Amino acid sequence: MTNTIVLLEGALVTTNEADRPMVSALRGLGININALPRETLYVLQDGITIELQARESRAVQVLSEQKINIEHLSL
């Protein structure tokens, strides 16, 4: 199923109590990306790229902070 995106448990959340049963029913939902319009695929790709860049930036920041902390301990 290389053309399908499966949403992992916890990927969908809601703060609205009325929507919780619907969100619970969507567990294991699969999306066939071949059926999506091209514009939707571009938006999805942009969103994934932005999230990956944010995660990479946070990881670099954490590593930098750890390096600084280790340098302070060494002194």
Protein backbone atom coordinates (compact mmCIF):
# COMPACT_ATOMS: atom_id res chain seq x y z
CA MET A 1 0.00 0.00 0.00
CA THR A 2 2.69 2.50 -1.01
CA ASN A 3 0.08 4.99 -2.21
CA THR A 4 -1.80 5.12 1.08
CA ILE A 5 -1.27 7.32 4.12
CA VAL A 6 -2.50 5.73 7.34
CA LEU A 7 -3.09 8.06 10.26
CA LEU A 8 -1.56 6.71 13.44
CA GLU A 9 -3.48 6.62 16.69
CA GLY A 10 -3.32 10.05 18.26
CA ALA A 11 -2.76 11.82 14.92
CA LEU A 12 -6.25 13.32 15.09
CA VAL A 13 -7.33 15.18 18.19
CA THR A 14 -10.15 17.52 19.08
CA THR A 15 -10.97 19.78 21.99
CA ASN A 16 -14.66 19.79 21.12
CA GLU A 17 -16.52 17.13 23.13
CA ALA A 18 -19.14 16.76 20.38
CA ASP A 19 -16.47 15.77 17.83
CA ARG A 20 -14.76 13.10 19.98
CA PRO A 21 -16.92 10.15 18.83
CA MET A 22 -16.25 11.04 15.19
CA VAL A 23 -12.50 11.36 15.79
CA SER A 24 -12.49 8.01 17.61
CA ALA A 25 -14.26 6.40 14.65
CA LEU A 26 -11.51 7.62 12.30
CA ARG A 27 -8.74 5.51 13.92
CA GLY A 28 -6.83 3.59 11.31
CA LEU A 29 -8.18 5.80 8.54
CA GLY A 30 -6.29 5.42 5.28
CA ILE A 31 -6.05 8.04 2.56
CA ASN A 32 -5.32 6.93 -0.99
CA ILE A 33 -3.04 9.69 -2.24
CA ASN A 34 -3.64 8.71 -5.87
CA ALA A 35 -7.22 9.92 -5.45
CA LEU A 36 -6.25 13.36 -4.15
CA PRO A 37 -6.16 16.41 -6.43
CA ARG A 38 -2.69 17.66 -7.31
CA GLU A 39 -3.23 20.91 -5.40
CA THR A 40 -4.00 18.93 -2.24
CA LEU A 41 -0.82 16.94 -2.67
CA TYR A 42 1.18 20.17 -2.91
CA VAL A 43 -0.41 21.49 0.29
CA LEU A 44 0.30 18.17 2.02
CA GLN A 45 3.90 18.21 0.82
CA ASP A 46 4.37 21.80 2.01
CA GLY A 47 2.93 20.95 5.42
CA ILE A 48 5.20 17.94 5.82
CA THR A 49 8.24 19.94 4.71
CA ILE A 50 7.48 22.72 7.21
CA GLU A 51 7.00 20.21 10.04
CA LEU A 52 10.24 18.39 9.23
CA GLN A 53 12.17 21.67 9.11
CA ALA A 54 10.69 22.69 12.48
CA ARG A 55 11.67 19.34 14.02
CA GLU A 56 15.17 19.60 12.59
CA SER A 57 15.52 23.13 13.97
CA ARG A 58 14.36 22.00 17.43
CA ALA A 59 16.81 19.07 17.34
CA VAL A 60 19.72 21.36 16.43
CA GLN A 61 18.71 23.75 19.21
CA VAL A 62 18.60 20.93 21.79
CA LEU A 63 21.99 19.63 20.64
CA SER A 64 23.47 23.13 20.83
CA GLU A 65 22.09 23.63 24.34
CA GLN A 66 23.51 20.28 25.45
CA LYS A 67 26.91 21.19 24.04
CA ILE A 68 26.87 24.47 25.96
CA ASN A 69 25.85 22.66 29.15
CA ILE A 70 28.65 20.10 28.71
CA GLU A 71 31.18 22.91 28.12
CA HIS A 72 30.05 24.63 31.34
CA LEU A 73 30.45 21.37 33.25
CA SER A 74 33.95 20.92 31.82
CA LEU A 75 35.05 24.33 33.05
